[in-house]
N, C-alpha and C. Protein backbone atom coordinates (compact mmCIF):
# COMPACT_ATOMS: atom_id res chain seq x y z
N MET A 1 -14.08 27.30 -45.31
CA MET A 1 -14.66 27.24 -43.78
C MET A 1 -14.62 28.87 -43.92
N HIS A 2 -15.88 29.35 -42.82
CA HIS A 2 -16.16 30.81 -42.95
C HIS A 2 -14.82 31.19 -41.94
N PRO A 3 -14.47 32.07 -41.72
CA PRO A 3 -13.01 32.62 -40.87
C PRO A 3 -13.54 32.50 -39.36
N ILE A 4 -15.09 32.84 -39.24
CA ILE A 4 -15.60 32.89 -37.94
C ILE A 4 -15.76 31.49 -37.29
N ALA A 5 -16.63 30.54 -38.16
CA ALA A 5 -16.53 29.48 -37.89
C ALA A 5 -15.13 28.45 -37.41
N LYS A 6 -14.16 29.18 -38.22
CA LYS A 6 -12.75 28.23 -38.25
C LYS A 6 -12.84 28.86 -36.42
N LYS A 7 -12.53 29.92 -36.07
CA LYS A 7 -12.12 30.22 -34.51
C LYS A 7 -12.95 29.59 -33.85
N VAL A 8 -14.17 29.79 -33.90
CA VAL A 8 -15.09 28.66 -33.38
C VAL A 8 -14.79 27.53 -33.06
N TRP A 9 -14.47 26.83 -33.99
CA TRP A 9 -14.45 25.38 -34.03
C TRP A 9 -12.90 25.25 -33.40
N TRP A 10 -11.94 26.09 -33.51
CA TRP A 10 -10.64 25.75 -32.97
C TRP A 10 -11.27 25.91 -31.24
N SER A 11 -11.58 27.07 -30.67
CA SER A 11 -11.82 27.52 -29.51
C SER A 11 -12.23 26.17 -28.66
N LEU A 12 -13.54 25.81 -29.56
CA LEU A 12 -13.91 24.50 -28.78
C LEU A 12 -13.31 23.23 -28.75
N PHE A 13 -12.69 22.73 -29.59
CA PHE A 13 -11.55 22.20 -29.58
C PHE A 13 -10.40 22.39 -28.88
N GLY A 14 -10.09 23.33 -28.45
CA GLY A 14 -9.25 23.84 -27.27
C GLY A 14 -9.96 23.82 -26.22
N VAL A 15 -10.72 23.76 -25.79
CA VAL A 15 -12.20 23.96 -24.45
C VAL A 15 -12.06 22.33 -24.13
N CYS A 16 -12.60 21.53 -25.35
CA CYS A 16 -12.36 20.21 -24.86
C CYS A 16 -11.23 19.08 -24.55
N THR A 17 -10.19 19.54 -25.57
CA THR A 17 -9.14 19.07 -25.07
C THR A 17 -8.62 19.20 -23.67
N VAL A 18 -8.52 20.52 -23.34
CA VAL A 18 -8.54 21.01 -22.10
C VAL A 18 -9.28 20.60 -20.92
N TYR A 19 -10.41 20.63 -20.92
CA TYR A 19 -11.44 19.63 -20.09
C TYR A 19 -10.87 18.10 -20.20
N GLU A 20 -11.03 17.22 -21.06
CA GLU A 20 -10.09 15.88 -21.23
C GLU A 20 -8.79 15.94 -20.81
N ILE A 21 -8.26 16.72 -20.17
CA ILE A 21 -6.44 16.48 -20.21
C ILE A 21 -6.66 16.60 -18.15
N GLN A 22 -7.72 18.01 -18.07
CA GLN A 22 -8.22 17.88 -16.93
C GLN A 22 -9.43 16.89 -16.03
N ARG A 23 -9.91 15.99 -16.85
CA ARG A 23 -10.62 15.02 -16.09
C ARG A 23 -9.68 13.78 -16.07
N LYS A 24 -9.01 13.32 -17.30
CA LYS A 24 -8.35 12.21 -17.17
C LYS A 24 -6.71 12.27 -16.71
N TRP A 25 -5.63 12.96 -16.75
CA TRP A 25 -4.60 13.13 -16.87
C TRP A 25 -3.99 14.05 -15.80
N TYR A 26 -4.26 15.02 -15.64
CA TYR A 26 -3.88 16.39 -14.76
C TYR A 26 -5.10 17.12 -14.02
N GLY A 27 -4.68 17.65 -13.06
CA GLY A 27 -5.72 18.65 -12.59
C GLY A 27 -4.98 19.26 -11.48
N LEU A 28 -5.84 20.79 -11.15
CA LEU A 28 -5.55 21.48 -10.28
C LEU A 28 -6.27 21.13 -9.15
N CYS A 29 -5.77 21.60 -8.01
CA CYS A 29 -6.93 21.44 -6.49
C CYS A 29 -6.31 22.24 -5.64
N MET A 30 -6.86 22.91 -4.48
CA MET A 30 -6.80 24.13 -3.59
C MET A 30 -6.83 23.55 -2.54
N THR A 31 -5.92 23.26 -1.67
CA THR A 31 -5.79 23.09 -0.03
C THR A 31 -6.44 23.72 0.98
N THR A 32 -7.01 23.09 2.14
CA THR A 32 -7.60 24.20 2.98
C THR A 32 -6.87 23.43 4.44
N GLY A 33 -6.43 24.19 5.29
CA GLY A 33 -6.44 23.44 6.37
C GLY A 33 -4.53 23.25 6.25
N ASP A 34 -4.17 22.94 7.61
CA ASP A 34 -2.49 23.05 7.63
C ASP A 34 -1.69 21.46 7.71
N SER A 35 -2.77 20.91 7.22
CA SER A 35 -2.34 19.40 7.89
C SER A 35 -1.15 18.60 7.03
N MET A 36 -0.35 19.42 5.94
CA MET A 36 0.45 18.81 5.16
C MET A 36 1.39 20.00 5.34
N THR A 37 1.88 21.10 5.93
CA THR A 37 2.53 21.73 6.17
C THR A 37 3.95 21.30 7.14
N PRO A 38 5.16 21.37 6.58
CA PRO A 38 5.20 22.08 6.02
C PRO A 38 5.68 21.81 4.79
N THR A 39 5.29 20.81 4.58
CA THR A 39 5.66 20.18 2.65
C THR A 39 4.65 21.07 1.63
N ILE A 40 3.79 21.30 2.07
CA ILE A 40 2.41 21.82 1.24
C ILE A 40 1.78 23.06 2.17
N ALA A 41 1.75 24.23 1.45
CA ALA A 41 1.43 25.36 2.28
C ALA A 41 -0.52 25.21 2.30
N GLU A 42 -0.81 25.87 3.48
CA GLU A 42 -2.01 26.26 3.65
C GLU A 42 -2.87 26.92 2.75
N GLY A 43 -3.85 26.45 1.80
CA GLY A 43 -3.90 27.41 0.57
C GLY A 43 -3.55 27.12 -0.56
N ALA A 44 -2.69 26.21 -0.66
CA ALA A 44 -1.41 26.07 -1.94
C ALA A 44 -2.59 25.86 -3.09
N VAL A 45 -2.32 25.84 -4.22
CA VAL A 45 -2.48 25.17 -5.17
C VAL A 45 -1.92 24.65 -6.14
N LEU A 46 -2.46 22.84 -6.03
CA LEU A 46 -1.55 21.78 -6.40
C LEU A 46 -1.65 21.35 -8.11
N LEU A 47 -0.85 20.88 -8.74
CA LEU A 47 -0.93 19.84 -9.61
C LEU A 47 -1.07 18.34 -9.39
N VAL A 48 -2.24 17.61 -10.10
CA VAL A 48 -2.01 16.33 -9.54
C VAL A 48 -2.20 15.63 -10.41
N CYS A 49 -1.73 14.47 -10.69
CA CYS A 49 -1.38 13.58 -11.47
C CYS A 49 -2.66 12.67 -11.39
N LYS A 50 -3.57 12.40 -12.53
CA LYS A 50 -4.61 11.89 -12.34
C LYS A 50 -4.68 10.21 -13.09
N ARG A 51 -3.51 10.04 -13.39
CA ARG A 51 -4.00 8.70 -14.52
C ARG A 51 -3.92 7.70 -13.65
N LYS A 52 -5.62 7.40 -13.13
CA LYS A 52 -6.30 6.56 -12.36
C LYS A 52 -5.62 4.84 -12.14
N GLY A 53 -5.91 4.46 -13.19
CA GLY A 53 -5.71 2.78 -12.81
C GLY A 53 -3.76 2.83 -12.51
N ASN A 54 -3.41 3.81 -13.45
CA ASN A 54 -1.72 3.94 -13.28
C ASN A 54 -1.21 3.82 -11.95
N ILE A 55 -2.10 4.73 -11.50
CA ILE A 55 -1.56 5.48 -10.01
C ILE A 55 -1.87 4.31 -9.16
N GLN A 56 -2.82 3.86 -8.72
CA GLN A 56 -2.94 2.56 -7.94
C GLN A 56 -2.39 1.82 -7.95
N LYS A 57 -1.70 1.30 -8.98
CA LYS A 57 -0.43 0.35 -9.31
C LYS A 57 0.43 0.49 -8.80
N SER A 58 1.05 1.92 -9.03
CA SER A 58 2.43 2.51 -8.55
C SER A 58 2.24 3.07 -7.28
N LEU A 59 1.67 3.34 -6.62
CA LEU A 59 1.63 3.92 -5.16
C LEU A 59 2.83 3.46 -4.57
N LYS A 60 3.22 4.21 -3.70
CA LYS A 60 4.43 3.75 -2.91
C LYS A 60 4.68 4.44 -1.77
N ARG A 61 5.09 4.04 -0.37
CA ARG A 61 5.13 4.72 1.05
C ARG A 61 6.04 6.30 0.25
N GLY A 62 5.59 7.22 1.13
CA GLY A 62 5.81 8.28 0.81
C GLY A 62 5.12 9.31 -0.14
N ASP A 63 4.47 8.76 -1.17
CA ASP A 63 3.63 9.57 -1.96
C ASP A 63 2.49 10.58 -1.27
N VAL A 64 2.50 11.53 -2.03
CA VAL A 64 1.26 12.71 -1.60
C VAL A 64 0.02 12.48 -2.70
N VAL A 65 -0.89 11.90 -2.24
CA VAL A 65 -1.84 11.94 -3.11
C VAL A 65 -3.13 12.72 -2.50
N LEU A 66 -4.14 13.09 -3.99
CA LEU A 66 -5.23 13.71 -3.94
C LEU A 66 -6.26 12.22 -3.55
N CYS A 67 -7.11 11.93 -2.72
CA CYS A 67 -8.00 11.35 -2.07
C CYS A 67 -9.35 11.37 -1.60
N ARG A 68 -10.14 10.53 -2.23
CA ARG A 68 -11.84 11.06 -1.55
C ARG A 68 -11.27 11.05 -0.15
N SER A 69 -11.92 11.35 0.91
CA SER A 69 -12.24 11.12 2.13
C SER A 69 -13.18 9.94 2.45
N SER A 70 -12.87 9.04 3.72
CA SER A 70 -13.60 7.82 3.56
C SER A 70 -14.91 8.12 4.56
N GLU A 71 -14.59 9.14 5.13
CA GLU A 71 -15.70 9.56 6.15
C GLU A 71 -16.65 10.49 5.62
N HIS A 72 -16.26 11.49 4.60
CA HIS A 72 -17.05 12.77 3.93
C HIS A 72 -16.50 12.46 2.02
N PRO A 73 -17.30 11.33 1.38
CA PRO A 73 -17.22 11.10 -0.02
C PRO A 73 -17.26 12.15 -0.61
N LYS A 74 -17.75 13.23 -0.52
CA LYS A 74 -17.78 14.40 -1.21
C LYS A 74 -16.58 15.38 -1.35
N ASP A 75 -16.19 15.13 -0.14
CA ASP A 75 -14.60 15.88 0.06
C ASP A 75 -13.17 15.08 -0.69
N LEU A 76 -11.99 15.65 -0.86
CA LEU A 76 -11.54 15.35 -1.26
C LEU A 76 -10.21 15.68 -0.05
N ILE A 77 -8.95 14.75 0.38
CA ILE A 77 -8.10 15.48 1.25
C ILE A 77 -6.56 15.09 1.02
N VAL A 78 -5.87 15.72 0.86
CA VAL A 78 -4.23 15.56 0.63
C VAL A 78 -3.64 14.82 1.28
N LYS A 79 -2.94 14.05 1.80
CA LYS A 79 -2.24 13.40 2.86
C LYS A 79 -1.20 12.31 1.95
N ARG A 80 0.13 11.79 2.57
CA ARG A 80 1.00 11.44 2.65
C ARG A 80 0.61 9.83 2.84
N VAL A 81 0.80 8.89 1.88
CA VAL A 81 0.95 6.94 2.11
C VAL A 81 2.08 6.80 3.20
N THR A 82 2.27 6.36 4.24
CA THR A 82 2.79 6.40 5.12
C THR A 82 3.06 4.26 5.40
N ALA A 83 1.89 3.59 5.27
CA ALA A 83 2.08 2.48 4.57
C ALA A 83 1.32 1.63 4.12
N MET A 84 1.16 0.77 3.46
CA MET A 84 1.07 -0.07 2.24
C MET A 84 0.30 -1.44 2.75
N GLU A 85 -0.64 -2.07 1.61
CA GLU A 85 -1.15 -3.59 2.10
C GLU A 85 -0.16 -4.41 2.95
N GLY A 86 -0.61 -4.95 3.93
CA GLY A 86 0.54 -6.52 4.44
C GLY A 86 1.24 -5.01 5.40
N ASP A 87 1.41 -3.85 6.28
CA ASP A 87 2.35 -3.36 6.75
C ASP A 87 1.80 -3.56 8.00
N LEU A 88 2.89 -3.45 9.02
CA LEU A 88 1.95 -3.09 10.30
C LEU A 88 2.68 -1.81 11.03
N ILE A 89 1.42 -1.56 11.69
CA ILE A 89 0.95 -0.21 12.32
C ILE A 89 1.18 -0.19 13.51
N PRO A 90 2.29 -0.35 14.18
CA PRO A 90 1.69 -0.26 15.89
C PRO A 90 0.85 0.36 16.80
N CYS A 91 0.11 0.13 17.31
CA CYS A 91 -0.80 1.09 17.99
C CYS A 91 -0.21 1.88 18.82
N SER A 92 0.64 1.21 20.09
CA SER A 92 1.51 2.43 20.53
C SER A 92 1.86 3.66 19.64
N GLU A 93 1.90 3.86 18.29
CA GLU A 93 2.11 4.98 18.16
C GLU A 93 0.27 5.54 17.24
N GLU A 94 -0.34 5.16 17.39
CA GLU A 94 -1.72 5.46 16.49
C GLU A 94 -2.35 4.90 17.70
N PRO A 95 -2.29 5.32 18.88
CA PRO A 95 -3.62 5.65 19.89
C PRO A 95 -4.74 6.18 19.86
N ILE A 96 -5.12 7.11 18.86
CA ILE A 96 -6.26 7.72 18.49
C ILE A 96 -7.29 6.91 17.85
N ASN A 97 -6.91 6.20 16.99
CA ASN A 97 -7.92 5.42 16.26
C ASN A 97 -8.71 4.12 17.23
N PRO A 98 -10.04 4.00 17.37
CA PRO A 98 -10.59 2.62 18.03
C PRO A 98 -10.53 1.52 17.21
N TYR A 99 -10.30 1.70 15.65
CA TYR A 99 -9.86 0.53 14.71
C TYR A 99 -8.83 0.22 15.37
N LEU A 100 -7.82 0.49 16.19
CA LEU A 100 -6.60 -0.16 16.50
C LEU A 100 -6.44 -0.78 18.15
N LYS A 101 -7.80 -0.09 19.30
CA LYS A 101 -7.92 -0.04 20.48
C LYS A 101 -7.54 -1.46 20.90
N PHE A 102 -8.03 -2.54 20.32
CA PHE A 102 -7.20 -3.86 21.06
C PHE A 102 -6.29 -4.66 20.99
N ALA A 103 -5.79 -3.83 19.87
CA ALA A 103 -4.52 -4.53 19.48
C ALA A 103 -3.12 -4.27 19.67
N ASN A 104 -2.00 -5.17 19.62
CA ASN A 104 -0.50 -4.49 19.82
C ASN A 104 -0.38 -4.00 18.36
N HIS A 105 -0.89 -3.97 17.35
CA HIS A 105 -0.59 -3.71 16.52
C HIS A 105 -1.89 -4.16 15.09
N THR A 106 -2.11 -3.31 14.27
CA THR A 106 -3.13 -3.75 12.67
C THR A 106 -1.74 -4.21 11.79
N THR A 107 -2.28 -4.96 10.90
CA THR A 107 -2.16 -4.70 9.74
C THR A 107 -2.60 -4.53 8.61
N ILE A 108 -2.27 -3.77 7.50
CA ILE A 108 -2.79 -3.10 6.43
C ILE A 108 -3.63 -4.18 5.47
N PRO A 109 -4.72 -3.81 5.23
CA PRO A 109 -5.58 -5.06 4.63
C PRO A 109 -5.14 -4.62 3.35
N THR A 110 -4.98 -5.65 2.77
CA THR A 110 -5.08 -5.91 1.05
C THR A 110 -5.93 -4.86 0.04
N GLY A 111 -5.50 -4.06 -0.47
CA GLY A 111 -5.88 -3.08 -1.36
C GLY A 111 -6.10 -1.43 -0.54
N TYR A 112 -5.67 -1.14 0.75
CA TYR A 112 -6.08 -0.52 1.48
C TYR A 112 -4.67 0.36 1.70
N ILE A 113 -4.51 1.74 2.39
CA ILE A 113 -3.09 2.08 2.76
C ILE A 113 -3.14 3.50 3.80
N TRP A 114 -2.41 3.55 4.50
CA TRP A 114 -2.58 4.33 5.86
C TRP A 114 -1.94 5.65 5.31
N LEU A 115 -2.70 6.73 5.89
CA LEU A 115 -2.72 7.99 5.05
C LEU A 115 -2.29 8.76 6.38
N ARG A 116 -1.51 9.80 6.41
CA ARG A 116 -0.75 10.71 7.53
C ARG A 116 -0.94 11.89 6.90
N GLY A 117 -1.35 13.13 7.61
CA GLY A 117 -0.53 14.67 7.37
C GLY A 117 0.94 14.78 7.90
N ASP A 118 1.14 15.56 6.90
CA ASP A 118 2.48 15.70 7.56
C ASP A 118 2.77 16.61 8.63
N ASN A 119 1.85 17.65 9.17
CA ASN A 119 1.51 18.06 10.61
C ASN A 119 0.80 17.41 11.49
N SER A 120 1.46 16.48 12.17
CA SER A 120 0.41 15.33 12.94
C SER A 120 0.13 15.96 14.05
N LYS A 121 0.23 17.51 14.56
CA LYS A 121 -0.66 17.68 15.67
C LYS A 121 -2.04 18.03 14.73
N THR A 122 -2.31 18.81 13.72
CA THR A 122 -3.46 19.29 12.92
C THR A 122 -4.26 17.94 12.42
N SER A 123 -3.63 17.31 12.12
CA SER A 123 -3.79 16.40 10.69
C SER A 123 -4.80 15.56 10.99
N HIS A 124 -6.07 15.29 10.59
CA HIS A 124 -6.96 14.38 10.76
C HIS A 124 -6.73 13.44 9.67
N ASP A 125 -6.45 12.10 9.97
CA ASP A 125 -5.91 11.28 8.78
C ASP A 125 -6.04 9.99 9.63
N SER A 126 -5.88 8.73 9.04
CA SER A 126 -5.27 7.14 9.31
C SER A 126 -5.84 6.96 10.69
N ARG A 127 -5.06 7.77 11.56
CA ARG A 127 -4.97 7.65 12.61
C ARG A 127 -6.51 7.67 13.54
N PHE A 128 -7.31 8.23 12.97
CA PHE A 128 -8.42 8.76 13.37
C PHE A 128 -9.44 7.74 12.56
N TYR A 129 -9.42 7.44 11.10
CA TYR A 129 -10.65 6.40 10.61
C TYR A 129 -10.21 5.61 9.81
N GLY A 130 -8.92 4.96 10.02
CA GLY A 130 -8.11 3.42 9.81
C GLY A 130 -8.02 3.17 8.11
N PRO A 131 -6.81 2.68 7.95
CA PRO A 131 -6.88 2.37 6.68
C PRO A 131 -7.91 2.79 5.66
N VAL A 132 -7.92 3.04 4.50
CA VAL A 132 -8.16 3.77 3.19
C VAL A 132 -8.08 3.12 2.13
N SER A 133 -8.74 2.75 1.61
CA SER A 133 -9.16 1.79 0.41
C SER A 133 -8.38 2.75 -0.91
N GLN A 134 -7.72 1.97 -1.77
CA GLN A 134 -6.83 2.59 -2.90
C GLN A 134 -7.99 3.32 -3.83
N ALA A 135 -8.68 2.92 -3.67
CA ALA A 135 -9.82 3.14 -4.85
C ALA A 135 -10.40 4.78 -4.46
N LEU A 136 -9.98 4.98 -3.45
CA LEU A 136 -10.28 6.36 -3.41
C LEU A 136 -9.38 7.28 -3.92
N VAL A 137 -8.21 6.67 -4.38
CA VAL A 137 -7.28 7.69 -4.11
C VAL A 137 -7.18 8.30 -5.79
N GLN A 138 -7.51 9.20 -6.20
CA GLN A 138 -7.76 9.91 -7.05
C GLN A 138 -6.32 10.92 -7.80
N GLY A 139 -5.21 10.91 -7.41
CA GLY A 139 -4.06 10.97 -8.21
C GLY A 139 -3.20 11.50 -7.21
N ARG A 140 -1.63 11.77 -8.01
CA ARG A 140 -0.45 11.88 -7.14
C ARG A 140 -0.36 12.91 -7.11
N VAL A 141 -0.06 14.03 -6.24
CA VAL A 141 0.33 15.43 -5.84
C VAL A 141 2.06 15.41 -6.73
N ILE A 142 1.85 15.95 -7.59
CA ILE A 142 3.39 16.21 -8.09
C ILE A 142 3.95 17.99 -8.28
N TYR A 143 3.34 18.78 -8.10
CA TYR A 143 3.91 20.11 -7.89
C TYR A 143 3.00 20.79 -6.81
N GLN A 144 3.64 22.32 -6.51
CA GLN A 144 2.88 23.32 -5.26
C GLN A 144 2.88 24.08 -6.68
N ILE A 145 2.17 25.11 -7.56
CA ILE A 145 2.23 25.86 -8.09
C ILE A 145 2.27 26.86 -6.95
N ARG A 146 1.42 27.32 -6.19
CA ARG A 146 1.22 27.94 -5.82
C ARG A 146 1.10 28.07 -4.24
N PRO A 147 1.51 28.82 -3.43
CA PRO A 147 2.29 29.99 -3.46
C PRO A 147 4.09 30.31 -3.40
N ILE A 148 4.47 29.10 -3.73
CA ILE A 148 5.34 28.90 -4.43
C ILE A 148 6.10 27.53 -4.55
N PHE A 149 6.30 28.05 -6.08
CA PHE A 149 6.41 26.86 -7.16
C PHE A 149 7.76 25.72 -6.68
N LYS A 150 7.21 24.17 -6.38
CA LYS A 150 8.16 23.41 -6.27
C LYS A 150 7.48 22.14 -6.28
N LYS A 151 8.48 21.44 -6.64
CA LYS A 151 7.77 20.19 -6.63
C LYS A 151 7.89 19.48 -5.41
N ILE A 152 6.75 18.19 -5.65
CA ILE A 152 6.27 17.42 -4.29
C ILE A 152 7.06 16.23 -4.21
N GLU A 153 8.16 16.22 -3.44
CA GLU A 153 8.93 14.99 -3.43
C GLU A 153 7.83 13.40 -2.87
N SER A 154 8.49 12.30 -3.30
CA SER A 154 7.62 11.84 -2.73
C SER A 154 9.01 10.78 -1.50
N GLY A 155 8.46 10.56 -0.19
CA GLY A 155 9.35 9.77 0.92
C GLY A 155 9.40 10.30 2.04
N LEU A 156 9.37 9.91 3.20
CA LEU A 156 9.06 9.92 4.49
C LEU A 156 10.08 10.63 5.28
């Protein structure tokens, strides 16, 4: 094989490999807003684990996830899972949501999760739009790359 053709082939192979890794397994995203401060800085670059089927089966309370917005499906949001299917959410703690208006509590339906931002003063989360389908979860946030490199721990 000609040396230039060999370089072109390896370059294409490298680009395709990186594309597939980014599409199926890991990806980067950048945040806007401060709904997850102090855990995640405003404008942070995040590394997200995207193994889709595996993510939804292994979700747990405290995980920070990248999720399609249930209100604006073209948008992606970063929030913490605070309740899982079958959990009760007391309405006295969640007065913002009309979904909860006429009940003492609500039960998270099967296949759904409750999302909250760590900065509850500025976060637009499940308190406003109710439970979110697990099918909307795109991945689990595992690292903040920038501005300060740190592991994003699960936990409430």
